[in-house]
Amino acid sequence: YADSVKGRFTISRDNAKNTVYLQMNSLKP
């Protein structure tokens, strides 16, 4: 993770679906 998003964003993937996700919490301007 980039330092600016550590602790707020989470990346995950579903290999069976060839899909990657980015959960973004506590979003800032």
Full PDB file with SEQRES, HELIX, SHEET, SSBOND, CRYST1, ORIGX, SCALE, CONECT and MASTER records, all heavy atoms in Angstrom:
SEQRES   1 A   29  TYR ALA ASP SER VAL LYS GLY ARG PHE THR ILE SER ARG          
SEQRES   2 A   29  ASP ASN ALA LYS ASN THR VAL TYR LEU GLN MET ASN SER          
SEQRES   3 A   29  LEU LYS PRO                                                  
HELIX    1 AA1 ASP A    3  VAL A    5  5                                   3    
HELIX    2 AA2 ASN A   15  LYS A   17  5                                   3    
SHEET    1 AA1 2 PHE A   9  ASP A  14  0                                        
SHEET    2 AA1 2 THR A  19  MET A  24 -1                                        
CRYST1    1.000    1.000    1.000  90.00  90.00  90.00 P 1           1          
ORIGX1      1.000000  0.000000  0.000000        0.00000                         
ORIGX2      0.000000  1.000000  0.000000        0.00000                         
ORIGX3      0.000000  0.000000  1.000000        0.00000                         
SCALE1      1.000000  0.000000  0.000000        0.00000                         
SCALE2      0.000000  1.000000  0.000000        0.00000                         
SCALE3      0.000000  0.000000  1.000000        0.00000                         
ATOM      1  N   TYR A   1       0.818  -1.200   0.000  1.00  0.00           N  
ATOM      2  CA  TYR A   1       0.000   0.000   0.000  1.00  0.00           C  
ATOM      3  C   TYR A   1       0.849   1.246   0.000  1.00  0.00           C  
ATOM      4  O   TYR A   1       1.932   1.283   0.589  1.00  0.00           O  
ATOM      5  CB  TYR A   1      -0.903   0.051   1.234  1.00  0.00           C  
ATOM      6  CG  TYR A   1      -1.918  -1.050   1.314  1.00  0.00           C  
ATOM      7  CD1 TYR A   1      -1.638  -2.230   1.998  1.00  0.00           C  
ATOM      8  CD2 TYR A   1      -3.167  -0.916   0.717  1.00  0.00           C  
ATOM      9  CE1 TYR A   1      -2.572  -3.244   2.077  1.00  0.00           C  
ATOM     10  CE2 TYR A   1      -4.108  -1.926   0.794  1.00  0.00           C  
ATOM     11  CZ  TYR A   1      -3.803  -3.090   1.477  1.00  0.00           C  
ATOM     12  OH  TYR A   1      -4.737  -4.096   1.555  1.00  0.00           O  
ATOM     13  N   ALA A   2       0.334   2.270  -0.639  1.00  0.00           N  
ATOM     14  CA  ALA A   2       0.932   3.581  -0.506  1.00  0.00           C  
ATOM     15  C   ALA A   2       0.774   4.053   0.933  1.00  0.00           C  
ATOM     16  O   ALA A   2      -0.227   3.754   1.592  1.00  0.00           O  
ATOM     17  CB  ALA A   2       0.264   4.573  -1.454  1.00  0.00           C  
ATOM     18  N   ASP A   3       1.754   4.787   1.416  1.00  0.00           N  
ATOM     19  CA  ASP A   3       1.708   5.251   2.798  1.00  0.00           C  
ATOM     20  C   ASP A   3       0.448   6.064   3.091  1.00  0.00           C  
ATOM     21  O   ASP A   3      -0.094   6.005   4.197  1.00  0.00           O  
ATOM     22  CB  ASP A   3       2.942   6.088   3.117  1.00  0.00           C  
ATOM     23  CG  ASP A   3       4.206   5.263   3.195  1.00  0.00           C  
ATOM     24  OD1 ASP A   3       4.113   4.032   3.383  1.00  0.00           O  
ATOM     25  OD2 ASP A   3       5.302   5.846   3.083  1.00  0.00           O  
ATOM     26  N   SER A   4      -0.014   6.800   2.121  1.00  0.00           N  
ATOM     27  CA  SER A   4      -1.146   7.684   2.327  1.00  0.00           C  
ATOM     28  C   SER A   4      -2.470   6.951   2.543  1.00  0.00           C  
ATOM     29  O   SER A   4      -3.435   7.558   3.018  1.00  0.00           O  
ATOM     30  CB  SER A   4      -1.291   8.641   1.141  1.00  0.00           C  
ATOM     31  OG  SER A   4      -1.480   7.925  -0.063  1.00  0.00           O  
ATOM     32  N   VAL A   5      -2.513   5.669   2.207  1.00  0.00           N  
ATOM     33  CA  VAL A   5      -3.772   4.932   2.336  1.00  0.00           C  
ATOM     34  C   VAL A   5      -3.687   3.782   3.323  1.00  0.00           C  
ATOM     35  O   VAL A   5      -4.702   3.114   3.567  1.00  0.00           O  
ATOM     36  CB  VAL A   5      -4.265   4.401   0.975  1.00  0.00           C  
ATOM     37  CG1 VAL A   5      -4.350   5.532  -0.037  1.00  0.00           C  
ATOM     38  CG2 VAL A   5      -3.361   3.282   0.464  1.00  0.00           C  
ATOM     39  N   LYS A   6      -2.537   3.547   3.889  1.00  0.00           N  
ATOM     40  CA  LYS A   6      -2.379   2.454   4.844  1.00  0.00           C  
ATOM     41  C   LYS A   6      -3.321   2.637   6.028  1.00  0.00           C  
ATOM     42  O   LYS A   6      -3.437   3.723   6.585  1.00  0.00           O  
ATOM     43  CB  LYS A   6      -0.936   2.377   5.333  1.00  0.00           C  
ATOM     44  CG  LYS A   6       0.034   1.827   4.310  1.00  0.00           C  
ATOM     45  CD  LYS A   6       1.449   1.752   4.873  1.00  0.00           C  
ATOM     46  CE  LYS A   6       2.418   1.177   3.857  1.00  0.00           C  
ATOM     47  NZ  LYS A   6       3.811   1.154   4.367  1.00  0.00           N  
ATOM     48  N   GLY A   7      -3.983   1.562   6.369  1.00  0.00           N  
ATOM     49  CA  GLY A   7      -4.926   1.604   7.470  1.00  0.00           C  
ATOM     50  C   GLY A   7      -6.321   2.018   7.064  1.00  0.00           C  
ATOM     51  O   GLY A   7      -7.264   1.876   7.856  1.00  0.00           O  
ATOM     52  N   ARG A   8      -6.476   2.534   5.855  1.00  0.00           N  
ATOM     53  CA  ARG A   8      -7.788   2.972   5.384  1.00  0.00           C  
ATOM     54  C   ARG A   8      -8.298   2.143   4.204  1.00  0.00           C  
ATOM     55  O   ARG A   8      -9.488   1.881   4.101  1.00  0.00           O  
ATOM     56  CB  ARG A   8      -7.751   4.442   4.973  1.00  0.00           C  
ATOM     57  CG  ARG A   8      -7.390   5.389   6.107  1.00  0.00           C  
ATOM     58  CD  ARG A   8      -7.569   6.842   5.689  1.00  0.00           C  
ATOM     59  NE  ARG A   8      -6.689   7.210   4.583  1.00  0.00           N  
ATOM     60  CZ  ARG A   8      -7.102   7.648   3.398  1.00  0.00           C  
ATOM     61  NH1 ARG A   8      -8.411   7.778   3.164  1.00  0.00           N  
ATOM     62  NH2 ARG A   8      -6.233   7.974   2.460  1.00  0.00           N  
ATOM     63  N   PHE A   9      -7.392   1.757   3.321  1.00  0.00           N  
ATOM     64  CA  PHE A   9      -7.769   1.004   2.126  1.00  0.00           C  
ATOM     65  C   PHE A   9      -7.351  -0.452   2.269  1.00  0.00           C  
ATOM     66  O   PHE A   9      -6.327  -0.767   2.889  1.00  0.00           O  
ATOM     67  CB  PHE A   9      -7.092   1.568   0.882  1.00  0.00           C  
ATOM     68  CG  PHE A   9      -7.571   2.934   0.462  1.00  0.00           C  
ATOM     69  CD1 PHE A   9      -8.418   3.689   1.251  1.00  0.00           C  
ATOM     70  CD2 PHE A   9      -7.149   3.459  -0.751  1.00  0.00           C  
ATOM     71  CE1 PHE A   9      -8.848   4.942   0.862  1.00  0.00           C  
ATOM     72  CE2 PHE A   9      -7.574   4.716  -1.164  1.00  0.00           C  
ATOM     73  CZ  PHE A   9      -8.418   5.456  -0.354  1.00  0.00           C  
ATOM     74  N   THR A  10      -8.115  -1.329   1.655  1.00  0.00           N  
ATOM     75  CA  THR A  10      -7.797  -2.742   1.639  1.00  0.00           C  
ATOM     76  C   THR A  10      -7.989  -3.293   0.236  1.00  0.00           C  
ATOM     77  O   THR A  10      -9.059  -3.146  -0.350  1.00  0.00           O  
ATOM     78  CB  THR A  10      -8.681  -3.540   2.613  1.00  0.00           C  
ATOM     79  OG1 THR A  10      -8.533  -3.019   3.938  1.00  0.00           O  
ATOM     80  CG2 THR A  10      -8.275  -5.013   2.611  1.00  0.00           C  
ATOM     81  N   ILE A  11      -6.959  -3.921  -0.282  1.00  0.00           N  
ATOM     82  CA  ILE A  11      -7.052  -4.549  -1.589  1.00  0.00           C  
ATOM     83  C   ILE A  11      -7.261  -6.046  -1.407  1.00  0.00           C  
ATOM     84  O   ILE A  11      -6.692  -6.656  -0.496  1.00  0.00           O  
ATOM     85  CB  ILE A  11      -5.802  -4.262  -2.446  1.00  0.00           C  
ATOM     86  CG1 ILE A  11      -6.005  -4.750  -3.885  1.00  0.00           C  
ATOM     87  CG2 ILE A  11      -4.551  -4.877  -1.836  1.00  0.00           C  
ATOM     88  CD1 ILE A  11      -4.910  -4.297  -4.845  1.00  0.00           C  
ATOM     89  N   SER A  12      -8.074  -6.627  -2.247  1.00  0.00           N  
ATOM     90  CA  SER A  12      -8.322  -8.060  -2.208  1.00  0.00           C  
ATOM     91  C   SER A  12      -8.610  -8.541  -3.624  1.00  0.00           C  
ATOM     92  O   SER A  12      -8.836  -7.732  -4.528  1.00  0.00           O  
ATOM     93  CB  SER A  12      -9.482  -8.398  -1.266  1.00  0.00           C  
ATOM     94  OG  SER A  12     -10.681  -7.784  -1.700  1.00  0.00           O  
ATOM     95  N   ARG A  13      -8.608  -9.840  -3.800  1.00  0.00           N  
ATOM     96  CA  ARG A  13      -8.876 -10.373  -5.128  1.00  0.00           C  
ATOM     97  C   ARG A  13      -9.588 -11.711  -5.040  1.00  0.00           C  
ATOM     98  O   ARG A  13      -9.465 -12.444  -4.053  1.00  0.00           O  
ATOM     99  CB  ARG A  13      -7.581 -10.513  -5.940  1.00  0.00           C  
ATOM    100  CG  ARG A  13      -6.580 -11.511  -5.380  1.00  0.00           C  
ATOM    101  CD  ARG A  13      -5.235 -11.407  -6.091  1.00  0.00           C  
ATOM    102  NE  ARG A  13      -5.298 -11.914  -7.459  1.00  0.00           N  
ATOM    103  CZ  ARG A  13      -4.292 -11.859  -8.338  1.00  0.00           C  
ATOM    104  NH1 ARG A  13      -3.145 -11.274  -7.983  1.00  0.00           N  
ATOM    105  NH2 ARG A  13      -4.421 -12.349  -9.553  1.00  0.00           N  
ATOM    106  N   ASP A  14     -10.319 -12.006  -6.075  1.00  0.00           N  
ATOM    107  CA  ASP A  14     -10.982 -13.287  -6.245  1.00  0.00           C  
ATOM    108  C   ASP A  14     -10.405 -13.883  -7.516  1.00  0.00           C  
ATOM    109  O   ASP A  14     -10.800 -13.516  -8.623  1.00  0.00           O  
ATOM    110  CB  ASP A  14     -12.491 -13.115  -6.347  1.00  0.00           C  
ATOM    111  CG  ASP A  14     -13.231 -14.434  -6.402  1.00  0.00           C  
ATOM    112  OD1 ASP A  14     -12.643 -15.446  -6.814  1.00  0.00           O  
ATOM    113  OD2 ASP A  14     -14.421 -14.453  -6.025  1.00  0.00           O  
ATOM    114  N   ASN A  15      -9.473 -14.784  -7.362  1.00  0.00           N  
ATOM    115  CA  ASN A  15      -8.771 -15.329  -8.518  1.00  0.00           C  
ATOM    116  C   ASN A  15      -9.702 -16.107  -9.449  1.00  0.00           C  
ATOM    117  O   ASN A  15      -9.503 -16.117 -10.664  1.00  0.00           O  
ATOM    118  CB  ASN A  15      -7.621 -16.228  -8.060  1.00  0.00           C  
ATOM    119  CG  ASN A  15      -6.504 -15.450  -7.399  1.00  0.00           C  
ATOM    120  OD1 ASN A  15      -6.280 -14.274  -7.720  1.00  0.00           O  
ATOM    121  ND2 ASN A  15      -5.792 -16.080  -6.483  1.00  0.00           N  
ATOM    122  N   ALA A  16     -10.695 -16.756  -8.885  1.00  0.00           N  
ATOM    123  CA  ALA A  16     -11.628 -17.523  -9.697  1.00  0.00           C  
ATOM    124  C   ALA A  16     -12.445 -16.630 -10.613  1.00  0.00           C  
ATOM    125  O   ALA A  16     -12.898 -17.058 -11.674  1.00  0.00           O  
ATOM    126  CB  ALA A  16     -12.552 -18.351  -8.812  1.00  0.00           C  
ATOM    127  N   LYS A  17     -12.639 -15.386 -10.208  1.00  0.00           N  
ATOM    128  CA  LYS A  17     -13.427 -14.446 -10.990  1.00  0.00           C  
ATOM    129  C   LYS A  17     -12.573 -13.402 -11.701  1.00  0.00           C  
ATOM    130  O   LYS A  17     -13.115 -12.499 -12.335  1.00  0.00           O  
ATOM    131  CB  LYS A  17     -14.439 -13.742 -10.097  1.00  0.00           C  
ATOM    132  CG  LYS A  17     -15.471 -14.669  -9.476  1.00  0.00           C  
ATOM    133  CD  LYS A  17     -16.462 -13.892  -8.619  1.00  0.00           C  
ATOM    134  CE  LYS A  17     -17.516 -14.810  -8.043  1.00  0.00           C  
ATOM    135  NZ  LYS A  17     -18.489 -14.065  -7.196  1.00  0.00           N  
ATOM    136  N   ASN A  18     -11.265 -13.526 -11.586  1.00  0.00           N  
ATOM    137  CA  ASN A  18     -10.347 -12.556 -12.188  1.00  0.00           C  
ATOM    138  C   ASN A  18     -10.714 -11.131 -11.782  1.00  0.00           C  
ATOM    139  O   ASN A  18     -10.718 -10.211 -12.605  1.00  0.00           O  
ATOM    140  CB  ASN A  18     -10.338 -12.679 -13.712  1.00  0.00           C  
ATOM    141  CG  ASN A  18      -9.651 -13.941 -14.186  1.00  0.00           C  
ATOM    142  OD1 ASN A  18      -8.836 -14.524 -13.481  1.00  0.00           O  
ATOM    143  ND2 ASN A  18      -9.967 -14.368 -15.401  1.00  0.00           N  
ATOM    144  N   THR A  19     -11.000 -10.968 -10.520  1.00  0.00           N  
ATOM    145  CA  THR A  19     -11.489  -9.695 -10.015  1.00  0.00           C  
ATOM    146  C   THR A  19     -10.629  -9.196  -8.866  1.00  0.00           C  
ATOM    147  O   THR A  19     -10.220  -9.976  -8.001  1.00  0.00           O  
ATOM    148  CB  THR A  19     -12.943  -9.819  -9.545  1.00  0.00           C  
ATOM    149  OG1 THR A  19     -13.760 -10.249 -10.638  1.00  0.00           O  
ATOM    150  CG2 THR A  19     -13.466  -8.490  -9.038  1.00  0.00           C  
ATOM    151  N   VAL A  20     -10.367  -7.908  -8.867  1.00  0.00           N  
ATOM    152  CA  VAL A  20      -9.654  -7.268  -7.771  1.00  0.00           C  
ATOM    153  C   VAL A  20     -10.544  -6.164  -7.215  1.00  0.00           C  
ATOM    154  O   VAL A  20     -11.272  -5.498  -7.957  1.00  0.00           O  
ATOM    155  CB  VAL A  20      -8.288  -6.717  -8.224  1.00  0.00           C  
ATOM    156  CG1 VAL A  20      -8.445  -5.636  -9.284  1.00  0.00           C  
ATOM    157  CG2 VAL A  20      -7.493  -6.201  -7.031  1.00  0.00           C  
ATOM    158  N   TYR A  21     -10.488  -5.984  -5.904  1.00  0.00           N  
ATOM    159  CA  TYR A  21     -11.310  -5.004  -5.223  1.00  0.00           C  
ATOM    160  C   TYR A  21     -10.427  -4.028  -4.459  1.00  0.00           C  
ATOM    161  O   TYR A  21      -9.318  -4.352  -4.052  1.00  0.00           O  
ATOM    162  CB  TYR A  21     -12.257  -5.665  -4.227  1.00  0.00           C  
ATOM    163  CG  TYR A  21     -13.119  -6.752  -4.813  1.00  0.00           C  
ATOM    164  CD1 TYR A  21     -12.721  -8.086  -4.765  1.00  0.00           C  
ATOM    165  CD2 TYR A  21     -14.341  -6.452  -5.412  1.00  0.00           C  
ATOM    166  CE1 TYR A  21     -13.512  -9.084  -5.293  1.00  0.00           C  
ATOM    167  CE2 TYR A  21     -15.133  -7.453  -5.946  1.00  0.00           C  
ATOM    168  CZ  TYR A  21     -14.720  -8.763  -5.888  1.00  0.00           C  
ATOM    169  OH  TYR A  21     -15.514  -9.750  -6.422  1.00  0.00           O  
ATOM    170  N   LEU A  22     -10.952  -2.860  -4.252  1.00  0.00           N  
ATOM    171  CA  LEU A  22     -10.313  -1.892  -3.381  1.00  0.00           C  
ATOM    172  C   LEU A  22     -11.378  -1.322  -2.456  1.00  0.00           C  
ATOM    173  O   LEU A  22     -12.242  -0.564  -2.891  1.00  0.00           O  
ATOM    174  CB  LEU A  22      -9.648  -0.766  -4.171  1.00  0.00           C  
ATOM    175  CG  LEU A  22      -8.851   0.233  -3.327  1.00  0.00           C  
ATOM    176  CD1 LEU A  22      -7.628  -0.444  -2.702  1.00  0.00           C  
ATOM    177  CD2 LEU A  22      -8.420   1.430  -4.163  1.00  0.00           C  
ATOM    178  N   GLN A  23     -11.311  -1.727  -1.201  1.00  0.00           N  
ATOM    179  CA  GLN A  23     -12.207  -1.184  -0.197  1.00  0.00           C  
ATOM    180  C   GLN A  23     -11.583   0.080   0.362  1.00  0.00           C  
ATOM    181  O   GLN A  23     -10.476   0.039   0.901  1.00  0.00           O  
ATOM    182  CB  GLN A  23     -12.439  -2.201   0.927  1.00  0.00           C  
ATOM    183  CG  GLN A  23     -13.342  -1.706   2.044  1.00  0.00           C  
ATOM    184  CD  GLN A  23     -14.761  -1.473   1.594  1.00  0.00           C  
ATOM    185  OE1 GLN A  23     -15.322  -2.291   0.881  1.00  0.00           O  
ATOM    186  NE2 GLN A  23     -15.345  -0.353   1.995  1.00  0.00           N  
ATOM    187  N   MET A  24     -12.276   1.179   0.239  1.00  0.00           N  
ATOM    188  CA  MET A  24     -11.760   2.467   0.662  1.00  0.00           C  
ATOM    189  C   MET A  24     -12.626   2.998   1.791  1.00  0.00           C  
ATOM    190  O   MET A  24     -13.801   3.313   1.583  1.00  0.00           O  
ATOM    191  CB  MET A  24     -11.737   3.449  -0.510  1.00  0.00           C  
ATOM    192  CG  MET A  24     -10.938   2.952  -1.711  1.00  0.00           C  
ATOM    193  SD  MET A  24     -10.824   4.188  -3.040  1.00  0.00           S  
ATOM    194  CE  MET A  24     -12.543   4.255  -3.544  1.00  0.00           C  
ATOM    195  N   ASN A  25     -12.047   3.090   2.963  1.00  0.00           N  
ATOM    196  CA  ASN A  25     -12.736   3.603   4.135  1.00  0.00           C  
ATOM    197  C   ASN A  25     -12.135   4.932   4.562  1.00  0.00           C  
ATOM    198  O   ASN A  25     -11.017   5.269   4.197  1.00  0.00           O  
ATOM    199  CB  ASN A  25     -12.653   2.603   5.289  1.00  0.00           C  
ATOM    200  CG  ASN A  25     -13.305   1.283   4.983  1.00  0.00           C  
ATOM    201  OD1 ASN A  25     -14.301   1.219   4.254  1.00  0.00           O  
ATOM    202  ND2 ASN A  25     -12.765   0.204   5.544  1.00  0.00           N  
ATOM    203  N   SER A  26     -12.887   5.650   5.364  1.00  0.00           N  
ATOM    204  CA  SER A  26     -12.425   6.936   5.886  1.00  0.00           C  
ATOM    205  C   SER A  26     -11.871   7.823   4.787  1.00  0.00           C  
ATOM    206  O   SER A  26     -10.776   8.388   4.901  1.00  0.00           O  
ATOM    207  CB  SER A  26     -11.372   6.712   6.980  1.00  0.00           C  
ATOM    208  OG  SER A  26     -11.882   5.934   8.032  1.00  0.00           O  
ATOM    209  N   LEU A  27     -12.620   7.947   3.736  1.00  0.00           N  
ATOM    210  CA  LEU A  27     -12.157   8.697   2.577  1.00  0.00           C  
ATOM    211  C   LEU A  27     -11.935  10.166   2.909  1.00  0.00           C  
ATOM    212  O   LEU A  27     -12.670  10.767   3.698  1.00  0.00           O  
ATOM    213  CB  LEU A  27     -13.142   8.562   1.429  1.00  0.00           C  
ATOM    214  CG  LEU A  27     -13.061   7.231   0.683  1.00  0.00           C  
ATOM    215  CD1 LEU A  27     -14.313   7.000  -0.149  1.00  0.00           C  
ATOM    216  CD2 LEU A  27     -11.823   7.200  -0.204  1.00  0.00           C  
ATOM    217  N   LYS A  28     -10.918  10.717   2.289  1.00  0.00           N  
ATOM    218  CA  LYS A  28     -10.546  12.110   2.466  1.00  0.00           C  
ATOM    219  C   LYS A  28     -10.627  12.838   1.132  1.00  0.00           C  
ATOM    220  O   LYS A  28     -10.510  12.213   0.076  1.00  0.00           O  
ATOM    221  CB  LYS A  28      -9.114  12.212   3.007  1.00  0.00           C  
ATOM    222  CG  LYS A  28      -8.854  11.459   4.295  1.00  0.00           C  
ATOM    223  CD  LYS A  28      -7.379  11.526   4.664  1.00  0.00           C  
ATOM    224  CE  LYS A  28      -7.090  10.771   5.941  1.00  0.00           C  
ATOM    225  NZ  LYS A  28      -5.642  10.823   6.296  1.00  0.00           N  
ATOM    226  N   PRO A  29     -10.804  14.141   1.154  1.00  0.00           N  
ATOM    227  CA  PRO A  29     -10.784  14.894  -0.106  1.00  0.00           C  
ATOM    228  C   PRO A  29      -9.520  14.655  -0.923  1.00  0.00           C  
ATOM    229  O   PRO A  29      -9.577  14.687  -2.153  1.00  0.00           O  
ATOM    230  CB  PRO A  29     -10.891  16.351   0.360  1.00  0.00           C  
ATOM    231  CG  PRO A  29     -11.644  16.270   1.641  1.00  0.00           C  
ATOM    232  CD  PRO A  29     -11.156  14.999   2.296  1.00  0.00           C  
TER     233      PRO A  29                                                      
MASTER        0    0    0    2    2    0    0    6  232    1    0    3          
END                                                                             
